[in-house]
C-alpha atoms as a PDB file:
ATOM      1  CA  MET A   1     133.322 106.159 108.731  1.00  0.00           C
ATOM      2  CA  PHE A   2     130.801 108.857 106.740  1.00  0.00           C
ATOM      3  CA  LEU A   3     131.321 111.571 109.880  1.00  0.00           C
ATOM      4  CA  SER A   4     135.292 110.900 109.847  1.00  0.00           C
ATOM      5  CA  GLY A   5     135.580 111.569 106.071  1.00  0.00           C
ATOM      6  CA  MET A   6     134.483 114.839 106.863  1.00  0.00           C
ATOM      7  CA  GLU A   7     135.943 115.488 109.988  1.00  0.00           C
ATOM      8  CA  ASN A   8     139.083 114.758 108.191  1.00  0.00           C
ATOM      9  CA  SER A   9     138.398 117.421 105.086  1.00  0.00           C
ATOM     10  CA  THR A  10     140.622 120.791 105.750  1.00  0.00           C
ATOM     11  CA  GLY A  11     138.526 123.722 106.223  1.00  0.00           C
ATOM     12  CA  SER A  12     135.908 124.908 108.823  1.00  0.00           C
ATOM     13  CA  PHE A  13     133.775 122.555 110.766  1.00  0.00           C
ATOM     14  CA  TYR A  14     131.168 125.054 110.000  1.00  0.00           C
ATOM     15  CA  PHE A  15     129.416 126.131 106.431  1.00  0.00           C
ATOM     16  CA  ASN A  16     128.097 130.148 106.363  1.00  0.00           C
ATOM     17  CA  LEU A  17     124.810 130.251 104.222  1.00  0.00           C
ATOM     18  CA  THR A  18     125.498 133.248 103.070  1.00  0.00           C
ATOM     19  CA  MET A  19     122.271 134.183 101.070  1.00  0.00           C
ATOM     20  CA  PHE A  20     120.306 135.164 104.180  1.00  0.00           C
ATOM     21  CA  VAL A  21     121.864 138.319 104.586  1.00  0.00           C
ATOM     22  CA  SER A  22     119.964 139.266 101.179  1.00  0.00           C
ATOM     23  CA  ILE A  23     116.788 138.739 103.108  1.00  0.00           C
ATOM     24  CA  GLY A  24     117.696 141.511 105.442  1.00  0.00           C
ATOM     25  CA  HIS A  25     114.865 143.242 107.090  1.00  0.00           C
ATOM     26  CA  PHE A  26     112.799 141.507 106.029  1.00  0.00           C
ATOM     27  CA  HIS A  27     113.381 137.976 108.118  1.00  0.00           C
ATOM     28  CA  TYR A  28     110.461 138.503 110.280  1.00  0.00           C
ATOM     29  CA  PRO A  29     107.377 138.831 107.604  1.00  0.00           C
ATOM     30  CA  VAL A  30     109.174 135.725 105.934  1.00  0.00           C
ATOM     31  CA  PHE A  31     109.714 133.984 108.798  1.00  0.00           C
ATOM     32  CA  VAL A  32     105.600 134.057 109.431  1.00  0.00           C
ATOM     33  CA  PHE A  33     104.864 133.528 105.669  1.00  0.00           C
ATOM     34  CA  CYS A  34     107.089 130.734 105.479  1.00  0.00           C
ATOM     35  CA  LEU A  35     105.528 129.101 109.515  1.00  0.00           C
ATOM     36  CA  LEU A  36     102.292 129.599 107.439  1.00  0.00           C
ATOM     37  CA  ILE A  37     103.520 127.259 104.458  1.00  0.00           C
ATOM     38  CA  TYR A  38     105.042 124.610 106.527  1.00  0.00           C
ATOM     39  CA  THR A  39     101.926 124.711 108.606  1.00  0.00           C
ATOM     40  CA  PHE A  40      99.660 124.029 105.400  1.00  0.00           C
ATOM     41  CA  ILE A  41     102.277 121.551 104.200  1.00  0.00           C
ATOM     42  CA  VAL A  42     102.038 119.426 107.132  1.00  0.00           C
ATOM     43  CA  ALA A  43      98.399 119.680 107.515  1.00  0.00           C
ATOM     44  CA  ALA A  44      97.200 119.268 104.181  1.00  0.00           C
ATOM     45  CA  ASN A  45      99.477 116.059 103.046  1.00  0.00           C
ATOM     46  CA  LEU A  46      98.450 114.176 106.378  1.00  0.00           C
ATOM     47  CA  VAL A  47      95.087 114.891 105.622  1.00  0.00           C
ATOM     48  CA  ILE A  48      95.235 113.207 102.073  1.00  0.00           C
ATOM     49  CA  ILE A  49      97.453 110.584 104.473  1.00  0.00           C
ATOM     50  CA  LEU A  50      94.636 110.114 106.604  1.00  0.00           C
ATOM     51  CA  VAL A  51      92.029 109.487 104.021  1.00  0.00           C
ATOM     52  CA  ILE A  52      94.134 107.518 102.200  1.00  0.00           C
ATOM     53  CA  PHE A  53      94.643 105.171 104.829  1.00  0.00           C
ATOM     54  CA  ARG A  54      91.287 105.015 106.805  1.00  0.00           C
ATOM     55  CA  GLU A  55      89.162 104.710 103.428  1.00  0.00           C
ATOM     56  CA  LYS A  56      89.473 101.086 102.105  1.00  0.00           C
ATOM     57  CA  ALA A  57      87.900 102.264  98.460  1.00  0.00           C
ATOM     58  CA  LEU A  58      90.974 103.902  98.572  1.00  0.00           C
ATOM     59  CA  HIS A  59      93.460 101.157  99.083  1.00  0.00           C
ATOM     60  CA  LYS A  60      94.287 100.965  95.439  1.00  0.00           C
ATOM     61  CA  PRO A  61      97.878 101.418  93.400  1.00  0.00           C
ATOM     62  CA  MET A  62      97.216 105.142  92.066  1.00  0.00           C
ATOM     63  CA  TYR A  63      95.642 106.213  95.531  1.00  0.00           C
ATOM     64  CA  VAL A  64      98.900 104.133  97.467  1.00  0.00           C
ATOM     65  CA  PHE A  65     101.098 106.362  95.489  1.00  0.00           C
ATOM     66  CA  ILE A  66      99.415 110.023  95.964  1.00  0.00           C
ATOM     67  CA  ALA A  67      99.954 108.962  99.710  1.00  0.00           C
ATOM     68  CA  CYS A  68     103.510 108.019  98.758  1.00  0.00           C
ATOM     69  CA  LEU A  69     103.916 111.521  97.279  1.00  0.00           C
ATOM     70  CA  SER A  70     102.224 113.036 100.442  1.00  0.00           C
ATOM     71  CA  VAL A  71     104.593 111.298 102.705  1.00  0.00           C
ATOM     72  CA  ASN A  72     107.570 112.405 100.424  1.00  0.00           C
ATOM     73  CA  ALA A  73     106.273 116.065 101.241  1.00  0.00           C
ATOM     74  CA  LEU A  74     106.521 115.886 104.787  1.00  0.00           C
ATOM     75  CA  TYR A  75     110.191 114.411 104.593  1.00  0.00           C
ATOM     76  CA  GLY A  76     111.329 116.974 102.461  1.00  0.00           C
ATOM     77  CA  SER A  77     109.570 119.557 104.312  1.00  0.00           C
ATOM     78  CA  ILE A  78     110.883 118.163 108.068  1.00  0.00           C
ATOM     79  CA  GLY A  79     114.249 117.946 106.748  1.00  0.00           C
ATOM     80  CA  PHE A  80     114.150 121.735 105.631  1.00  0.00           C
ATOM     81  CA  PHE A  81     111.660 124.478 106.902  1.00  0.00           C
ATOM     82  CA  PRO A  82     112.758 123.601 110.663  1.00  0.00           C
ATOM     83  CA  ARG A  83     116.046 124.465 109.751  1.00  0.00           C
ATOM     84  CA  PHE A  84     115.457 127.300 107.401  1.00  0.00           C
ATOM     85  CA  LEU A  85     112.703 128.644 109.729  1.00  0.00           C
ATOM     86  CA  THR A  86     115.640 129.068 112.920  1.00  0.00           C
ATOM     87  CA  ASP A  87     118.054 130.596 110.534  1.00  0.00           C
ATOM     88  CA  LEU A  88     115.462 133.029 109.797  1.00  0.00           C
ATOM     89  CA  LEU A  89     115.144 134.259 113.528  1.00  0.00           C
ATOM     90  CA  SER A  90     119.134 133.894 113.752  1.00  0.00           C
ATOM     91  CA  ASP A  91     121.793 136.551 113.468  1.00  0.00           C
ATOM     92  CA  THR A  92     124.465 134.156 112.292  1.00  0.00           C
ATOM     93  CA  HIS A  93     123.529 131.331 109.744  1.00  0.00           C
ATOM     94  CA  MET A  94     126.309 128.707 110.881  1.00  0.00           C
ATOM     95  CA  ILE A  95     125.710 124.670 109.925  1.00  0.00           C
ATOM     96  CA  LEU A  96     127.637 122.060 111.096  1.00  0.00           C
ATOM     97  CA  ARG A  97     129.333 120.086 108.327  1.00  0.00           C
ATOM     98  CA  PRO A  98     127.765 117.000 109.161  1.00  0.00           C
ATOM     99  CA  ALA A  99     123.979 118.587 109.857  1.00  0.00           C
ATOM    100  CA  CYS A 100     125.068 120.281 106.348  1.00  0.00           C
ATOM    101  CA  PHE A 101     125.467 116.894 104.420  1.00  0.00           C
ATOM    102  CA  PHE A 102     122.438 115.596 106.352  1.00  0.00           C
ATOM    103  CA  GLN A 103     120.439 118.149 105.317  1.00  0.00           C
ATOM    104  CA  ILE A 104     121.829 117.599 101.742  1.00  0.00           C
ATOM    105  CA  TYR A 105     120.994 114.056 101.542  1.00  0.00           C
ATOM    106  CA  VAL A 106     117.457 114.569 103.000  1.00  0.00           C
ATOM    107  CA  ILE A 107     116.748 117.633 100.328  1.00  0.00           C
ATOM    108  CA  TYR A 108     117.908 115.669  97.679  1.00  0.00           C
ATOM    109  CA  THR A 109     116.511 112.514  98.103  1.00  0.00           C
ATOM    110  CA  TYR A 110     112.927 113.909  98.321  1.00  0.00           C
ATOM    111  CA  ALA A 111     113.936 115.622  95.221  1.00  0.00           C
ATOM    112  CA  SER A 112     114.961 112.630  93.166  1.00  0.00           C
ATOM    113  CA  HIS A 113     112.083 110.519  95.087  1.00  0.00           C
ATOM    114  CA  GLU A 114     109.620 112.901  93.793  1.00  0.00           C
ATOM    115  CA  PHE A 115     110.455 111.770  90.100  1.00  0.00           C
ATOM    116  CA  THR A 116     110.589 108.142  90.790  1.00  0.00           C
ATOM    117  CA  ILE A 117     107.059 108.168  92.433  1.00  0.00           C
ATOM    118  CA  LEU A 118     105.629 110.375  89.664  1.00  0.00           C
ATOM    119  CA  ALA A 119     107.221 107.519  87.300  1.00  0.00           C
ATOM    120  CA  ILE A 120     105.968 104.730  89.200  1.00  0.00           C
ATOM    121  CA  MET A 121     102.344 106.703  89.071  1.00  0.00           C
ATOM    122  CA  ALA A 122     102.848 106.674  85.415  1.00  0.00           C
ATOM    123  CA  TYR A 123     103.207 102.755  85.104  1.00  0.00           C
ATOM    124  CA  ASP A 124      99.637 102.486  86.869  1.00  0.00           C
ATOM    125  CA  ARG A 125      97.804 104.881  84.452  1.00  0.00           C
ATOM    126  CA  TYR A 126      99.581 102.931  81.559  1.00  0.00           C
ATOM    127  CA  LEU A 127      98.576  99.799  82.464  1.00  0.00           C
ATOM    128  CA  ALA A 128      95.139 101.246  83.022  1.00  0.00           C
ATOM    129  CA  VAL A 129      94.481 103.002  80.404  1.00  0.00           C
ATOM    130  CA  CYS A 130      96.612 100.597  77.609  1.00  0.00           C
ATOM    131  CA  ARG A 131      96.448  97.397  79.318  1.00  0.00           C
ATOM    132  CA  PRO A 132      93.428  97.353  81.248  1.00  0.00           C
ATOM    133  CA  LEU A 133      92.716  93.581  80.482  1.00  0.00           C
ATOM    134  CA  HIS A 134      96.033  93.110  82.646  1.00  0.00           C
ATOM    135  CA  TYR A 135      96.162  95.450  84.853  1.00  0.00           C
ATOM    136  CA  HIS A 136      94.567  93.605  88.018  1.00  0.00           C
ATOM    137  CA  ARG A 137      97.110  90.528  87.153  1.00  0.00           C
ATOM    138  CA  LYS A 138     100.257  93.308  86.929  1.00  0.00           C
ATOM    139  CA  MET A 139      99.501  95.469  89.542  1.00  0.00           C
ATOM    140  CA  THR A 140      99.427  93.381  92.593  1.00  0.00           C
ATOM    141  CA  SER A 141      99.956  94.880  96.198  1.00  0.00           C
ATOM    142  CA  LYS A 142     103.285  92.662  96.021  1.00  0.00           C
ATOM    143  CA  THR A 143     103.928  94.962  92.907  1.00  0.00           C
ATOM    144  CA  VAL A 144     103.251  98.201  94.322  1.00  0.00           C
ATOM    145  CA  LEU A 145     104.978  97.032  97.766  1.00  0.00           C
ATOM    146  CA  LYS A 146     107.997  96.274  95.190  1.00  0.00           C
ATOM    147  CA  LEU A 147     107.453  99.736  92.978  1.00  0.00           C
ATOM    148  CA  VAL A 148     107.234 101.398  96.427  1.00  0.00           C
ATOM    149  CA  ALA A 149     110.395 100.301  97.589  1.00  0.00           C
ATOM    150  CA  LEU A 150     112.253 100.805  94.304  1.00  0.00           C
ATOM    151  CA  ALA A 151     111.093 104.353  94.002  1.00  0.00           C
ATOM    152  CA  TRP A 152     112.524 105.252  97.885  1.00  0.00           C
ATOM    153  CA  ASN A 153     115.556 103.064  98.047  1.00  0.00           C
ATOM    154  CA  PHE A 154     116.881 103.375  94.581  1.00  0.00           C
ATOM    155  CA  PRO A 155     117.460 106.937  95.014  1.00  0.00           C
ATOM    156  CA  ALA A 156     118.480 106.826  98.506  1.00  0.00           C
ATOM    157  CA  PHE A 157     121.357 104.540  97.377  1.00  0.00           C
ATOM    158  CA  GLY A 158     122.480 106.983  94.378  1.00  0.00           C
ATOM    159  CA  LEU A 159     122.814 109.247  96.174  1.00  0.00           C
ATOM    160  CA  THR A 160     124.690 107.782  99.480  1.00  0.00           C
ATOM    161  CA  VAL A 161     127.263 107.671  97.255  1.00  0.00           C
ATOM    162  CA  CYS A 162     127.319 111.672  96.136  1.00  0.00           C
ATOM    163  CA  VAL A 163     126.716 112.986  99.726  1.00  0.00           C
ATOM    164  CA  TYR A 164     129.426 110.427 100.617  1.00  0.00           C
ATOM    165  CA  LEU A 165     132.066 112.000  97.716  1.00  0.00           C
ATOM    166  CA  SER A 166     131.336 115.281  98.516  1.00  0.00           C
ATOM    167  CA  SER A 167     131.870 114.864 102.051  1.00  0.00           C
ATOM    168  CA  ARG A 168     135.725 113.535 101.213  1.00  0.00           C
ATOM    169  CA  LEU A 169     136.564 116.604  99.575  1.00  0.00           C
ATOM    170  CA  PRO A 170     139.551 118.924 100.703  1.00  0.00           C
ATOM    171  CA  LEU A 171     137.696 122.514 100.751  1.00  0.00           C
ATOM    172  CA  CYS A 172     138.964 125.745 100.356  1.00  0.00           C
ATOM    173  CA  GLY A 173     136.609 127.925 101.834  1.00  0.00           C
ATOM    174  CA  ASN A 174     133.091 127.480 103.900  1.00  0.00           C
ATOM    175  CA  GLU A 175     130.627 130.162 102.381  1.00  0.00           C
ATOM    176  CA  ILE A 176     127.905 128.594 100.417  1.00  0.00           C
ATOM    177  CA  GLN A 177     125.861 131.517  98.372  1.00  0.00           C
ATOM    178  CA  LYS A 178     122.369 129.522  98.841  1.00  0.00           C
ATOM    179  CA  VAL A 179     119.645 129.457 101.786  1.00  0.00           C
ATOM    180  CA  PHE A 180     120.413 125.463 102.643  1.00  0.00           C
ATOM    181  CA  CYS A 181     123.178 123.253 101.830  1.00  0.00           C
ATOM    182  CA  ALA A 182     123.781 121.732  98.261  1.00  0.00           C
ATOM    183  CA  VAL A 183     126.167 119.363  96.887  1.00  0.00           C
ATOM    184  CA  TRP A 184     127.649 121.914  94.167  1.00  0.00           C
ATOM    185  CA  ASN A 185     127.861 124.524  95.827  1.00  0.00           C
ATOM    186  CA  ILE A 186     130.105 122.923  98.444  1.00  0.00           C
ATOM    187  CA  ALA A 187     131.844 121.068  95.223  1.00  0.00           C
ATOM    188  CA  LYS A 188     132.684 124.367  94.096  1.00  0.00           C
ATOM    189  CA  LEU A 189     134.573 124.903  97.416  1.00  0.00           C
ATOM    190  CA  SER A 190     136.892 122.169  96.660  1.00  0.00           C
ATOM    191  CA  CYS A 191     141.034 122.621  96.493  1.00  0.00           C
ATOM    192  CA  VAL A 192     141.541 119.850  94.471  1.00  0.00           C
ATOM    193  CA  THR A 193     139.739 118.425  90.951  1.00  0.00           C
ATOM    194  CA  THR A 194     135.980 116.778  91.401  1.00  0.00           C
ATOM    195  CA  VAL A 195     135.984 114.493  88.064  1.00  0.00           C
ATOM    196  CA  VAL A 196     134.956 111.621  89.713  1.00  0.00           C
ATOM    197  CA  ASN A 197     132.119 113.186  91.922  1.00  0.00           C
ATOM    198  CA  ASN A 198     130.728 114.749  88.804  1.00  0.00           C
ATOM    199  CA  ILE A 199     130.843 111.278  86.850  1.00  0.00           C
ATOM    200  CA  VAL A 200     128.925 110.174  89.794  1.00  0.00           C
ATOM    201  CA  GLY A 201     126.750 112.706  89.848  1.00  0.00           C
ATOM    202  CA  MET A 202     125.922 112.845  86.628  1.00  0.00           C
ATOM    203  CA  ILE A 203     125.472 108.900  86.563  1.00  0.00           C
ATOM    204  CA  VAL A 204     122.928 109.736  89.367  1.00  0.00           C
ATOM    205  CA  THR A 205     120.827 112.378  88.227  1.00  0.00           C
ATOM    206  CA  GLY A 206     120.590 110.437  84.802  1.00  0.00           C
ATOM    207  CA  ALA A 207     119.443 107.399  86.629  1.00  0.00           C
ATOM    208  CA  THR A 208     116.484 109.144  89.124  1.00  0.00           C
ATOM    209  CA  VAL A 209     115.882 112.409  87.039  1.00  0.00           C
ATOM    210  CA  LEU A 210     116.302 111.697  83.120  1.00  0.00           C
ATOM    211  CA  PHE A 211     115.409 108.197  83.523  1.00  0.00           C
ATOM    212  CA  PRO A 212     112.070 108.875  85.160  1.00  0.00           C
ATOM    213  CA  LEU A 213     111.509 111.610  82.350  1.00  0.00           C
ATOM    214  CA  PHE A 214     111.462 110.519  79.768  1.00  0.00           C
ATOM    215  CA  TYR A 215     109.864 106.887  81.080  1.00  0.00           C
ATOM    216  CA  VAL A 216     106.915 109.194  82.098  1.00  0.00           C
ATOM    217  CA  LEU A 217     106.814 111.150  78.781  1.00  0.00           C
ATOM    218  CA  TYR A 218     106.863 107.496  76.953  1.00  0.00           C
ATOM    219  CA  THR A 219     103.955 106.161  78.905  1.00  0.00           C
ATOM    220  CA  TYR A 220     101.878 109.105  78.510  1.00  0.00           C
ATOM    221  CA  PHE A 221     102.894 108.774  74.602  1.00  0.00           C
ATOM    222  CA  GLN A 222     101.372 105.527  74.395  1.00  0.00           C
ATOM    223  CA  ILE A 223      98.500 107.121  76.803  1.00  0.00           C
ATOM    224  CA  VAL A 224      97.712 109.609  73.845  1.00  0.00           C
ATOM    225  CA  VAL A 225      97.704 107.713  70.942  1.00  0.00           C
ATOM    226  CA  VAL A 226      95.124 105.390  72.959  1.00  0.00           C
ATOM    227  CA  CYS A 227      93.026 108.223  73.722  1.00  0.00           C
ATOM    228  CA  TRP A 228      93.256 109.342  70.229  1.00  0.00           C
ATOM    229  CA  LYS A 229      91.559 105.800  69.073  1.00  0.00           C
ATOM    230  CA  SER A 230      88.784 106.124  71.553  1.00  0.00           C
ATOM    231  CA  SER A 231      85.630 107.507  72.590  1.00  0.00           C
ATOM    232  CA  ALA A 232      84.692 110.972  73.976  1.00  0.00           C
ATOM    233  CA  GLU A 233      83.700 109.144  77.163  1.00  0.00           C
ATOM    234  CA  PHE A 234      86.684 107.403  77.381  1.00  0.00           C
ATOM    235  CA  ARG A 235      89.006 109.998  76.767  1.00  0.00           C
ATOM    236  CA  ARG A 236      87.213 112.312  79.977  1.00  0.00           C
ATOM    237  CA  LYS A 237      87.659 109.647  82.378  1.00  0.00           C
ATOM    238  CA  VAL A 238      91.288 109.354  81.187  1.00  0.00           C
ATOM    239  CA  VAL A 239      91.494 113.251  81.758  1.00  0.00           C
ATOM    240  CA  GLN A 240      90.006 113.204  84.967  1.00  0.00           C
ATOM    241  CA  SER A 241      92.367 110.396  86.779  1.00  0.00           C
ATOM    242  CA  CYS A 242      95.445 111.362  84.707  1.00  0.00           C
ATOM    243  CA  LEU A 243      95.587 115.129  84.779  1.00  0.00           C
ATOM    244  CA  PRO A 244      96.518 116.048  88.421  1.00  0.00           C
ATOM    245  CA  HIS A 245      99.629 113.746  87.630  1.00  0.00           C
ATOM    246  CA  VAL A 246     100.423 115.376  84.079  1.00  0.00           C
ATOM    247  CA  VAL A 247     100.223 118.387  85.898  1.00  0.00           C
ATOM    248  CA  SER A 248     102.079 117.546  89.200  1.00  0.00           C
ATOM    249  CA  PHE A 249     104.763 116.164  86.764  1.00  0.00           C
ATOM    250  CA  GLY A 250     104.948 119.340  84.574  1.00  0.00           C
ATOM    251  CA  ILE A 251     105.314 121.580  87.069  1.00  0.00           C
ATOM    252  CA  TYR A 252     107.705 119.674  88.929  1.00  0.00           C
ATOM    253  CA  SER A 253     109.794 119.092  85.620  1.00  0.00           C
ATOM    254  CA  VAL A 254     110.055 123.103  85.073  1.00  0.00           C
ATOM    255  CA  ILE A 255     111.244 123.422  88.860  1.00  0.00           C
ATOM    256  CA  GLY A 256     113.706 120.577  89.218  1.00  0.00           C
ATOM    257  CA  PHE A 257     115.489 121.466  86.083  1.00  0.00           C
ATOM    258  CA  SER A 258     115.383 125.140  86.631  1.00  0.00           C
ATOM    259  CA  ASP A 259     117.286 124.544  90.046  1.00  0.00           C
ATOM    260  CA  ILE A 260     119.820 122.800  88.229  1.00  0.00           C
ATOM    261  CA  ALA A 261     120.016 125.320  85.933  1.00  0.00           C
ATOM    262  CA  LEU A 262     120.592 127.919  88.613  1.00  0.00           C
ATOM    263  CA  SER A 263     122.758 125.842  90.820  1.00  0.00           C
ATOM    264  CA  ARG A 264     125.559 126.490  87.558  1.00  0.00           C
ATOM    265  CA  TYR A 265     125.039 130.072  87.367  1.00  0.00           C
ATOM    266  CA  ASN A 266     127.120 132.919  89.114  1.00  0.00           C
ATOM    267  CA  ILE A 267     124.665 133.699  91.837  1.00  0.00           C
ATOM    268  CA  GLU A 268     126.243 137.062  92.107  1.00  0.00           C
ATOM    269  CA  GLU A 269     124.539 137.750  88.747  1.00  0.00           C
ATOM    270  CA  ILE A 270     120.613 137.411  89.763  1.00  0.00           C
ATOM    271  CA  HIS A 271     118.711 139.691  92.086  1.00  0.00           C
ATOM    272  CA  PRO A 272     119.317 138.248  95.558  1.00  0.00           C
ATOM    273  CA  TYR A 273     115.523 138.174  96.243  1.00  0.00           C
ATOM    274  CA  LEU A 274     114.780 136.254  92.829  1.00  0.00           C
ATOM    275  CA  ALA A 275     117.918 134.021  93.768  1.00  0.00           C
ATOM    276  CA  ILE A 276     116.243 133.098  96.843  1.00  0.00           C
ATOM    277  CA  ILE A 277     112.808 132.218  95.352  1.00  0.00           C
ATOM    278  CA  PHE A 278     114.087 130.389  92.917  1.00  0.00           C
ATOM    279  CA  SER A 279     116.005 128.067  95.286  1.00  0.00           C
ATOM    280  CA  LEU A 280     113.261 127.149  97.345  1.00  0.00           C
ATOM    281  CA  GLU A 281     110.603 126.130  94.506  1.00  0.00           C
ATOM    282  CA  PHE A 282     111.418 122.712  94.535  1.00  0.00           C
ATOM    283  CA  VAL A 283     110.804 122.208  98.359  1.00  0.00           C
ATOM    284  CA  VAL A 284     108.103 124.519  98.828  1.00  0.00           C
ATOM    285  CA  ILE A 285     105.803 124.455  95.261  1.00  0.00           C
ATOM    286  CA  PRO A 286     105.377 120.616  95.028  1.00  0.00           C
ATOM    287  CA  PRO A 287     104.231 120.068  98.884  1.00  0.00           C
ATOM    288  CA  VAL A 288     101.905 122.619  98.679  1.00  0.00           C
ATOM    289  CA  LEU A 289     100.491 122.038  95.417  1.00  0.00           C
ATOM    290  CA  ASN A 290      99.998 117.649  95.667  1.00  0.00           C
ATOM    291  CA  PRO A 291      97.577 117.972  98.266  1.00  0.00           C
ATOM    292  CA  LEU A 292      95.643 120.549  96.287  1.00  0.00           C
ATOM    293  CA  LEU A 293      96.196 118.662  93.056  1.00  0.00           C
ATOM    294  CA  TYR A 294      94.711 115.158  93.931  1.00  0.00           C
ATOM    295  CA  GLY A 295      92.670 116.129  97.299  1.00  0.00           C
ATOM    296  CA  ILE A 296      90.389 118.503  95.231  1.00  0.00           C
ATOM    297  CA  LYS A 297      90.614 117.292  91.504  1.00  0.00           C
ATOM    298  CA  LEU A 298      90.115 113.945  92.206  1.00  0.00           C
ATOM    299  CA  PRO A 299      86.803 112.966  93.208  1.00  0.00           C
ATOM    300  CA  GLU A 300      87.307 109.730  95.312  1.00  0.00           C
ATOM    301  CA  ILE A 301      89.608 111.751  97.328  1.00  0.00           C
ATOM    302  CA  ARG A 302      87.833 114.702  97.534  1.00  0.00           C
ATOM    303  CA  ARG A 303      84.536 113.101  99.049  1.00  0.00           C
ATOM    304  CA  HIS A 304      86.144 111.286 101.371  1.00  0.00           C
ATOM    305  CA  ILE A 305      87.983 113.917 103.009  1.00  0.00           C
ATOM    306  CA  LEU A 306      84.636 116.146 102.797  1.00  0.00           C
ATOM    307  CA  LYS A 307      82.972 112.743 104.475  1.00  0.00           C
ATOM    308  CA  MET A 308      85.426 113.070 106.888  1.00  0.00           C
ATOM    309  CA  LEU A 309      85.600 116.777 108.148  1.00  0.00           C
ATOM    310  CA  LYS A 310      81.444 116.563 108.303  1.00  0.00           C
ATOM    311  CA  TRP A 311      82.064 113.441 110.439  1.00  0.00           C
ATOM    312  CA  ASP A 312      84.468 115.327 112.500  1.00  0.00           C
ATOM    313  CA  ARG A 313      82.337 118.366 112.856  1.00  0.00           C
ATOM    314  CA  MET A 314      79.200 115.871 113.734  1.00  0.00           C
ATOM    315  CA  ARG A 315      81.112 114.473 116.820  1.00  0.00           C
END
């Protein structure tokens, strides 16, 4: 049913990703650079997942959620980089409609998962700091599984509806001014009104982006209030455990809203190289930054990574 909707839409069975032309003669250096980034993303996030999986001392909610961020980074990167790297070396940048909508689904669910996972991490930190006596009663293994399932499945359901509605639009063109497929760019090609799509898109954005955003801000306001009334030693411990999450959330929020703003802006008014860099930020920076933030800044993870590396060398 999903694919038949795409096949019945008017227009070409292909989309043309036009922004690859802007890379020009730099496609080989860009390919090498992006391949190195992709390799680092896969290796660094696999290390985080492996360390948390292997070490029983890290089988705690906070570390499980960090592992979820790394799983999501791999999911988003694998859904984006192989196609992107192939297009860099290709003379044509055509993508089949089913492949285009599949790419949209993967990239957008990755982006939404990032917000929802950061939101459940904020809930974990809120309980640990503001409700320490109730932490172990509330944050059980069953609760952790429920939160992970909610963070993963809720955005997936909403974006399935968005992608399906987009796939049903009759289109009067096939050129997408981006290096990957995006819902808004396809909506701009529609021959008919997209009011329903816009309303559903705003509801899904509110539920998967804005609600997690305001919830994280609320939890950290509560944490700041508690820290304000506590000792310097307590504040130091809270900063140590919460700082990577705050930095990760802050950077991702700026990147995410920059991408939303860019998709609504006339891309032809921006320098092509800047437009490409801005459009790639949210699929590149978080998967690179998160393993560095959590792997280096959190002592427990850092210690076990070093321990694992020393053990492998000894073998």
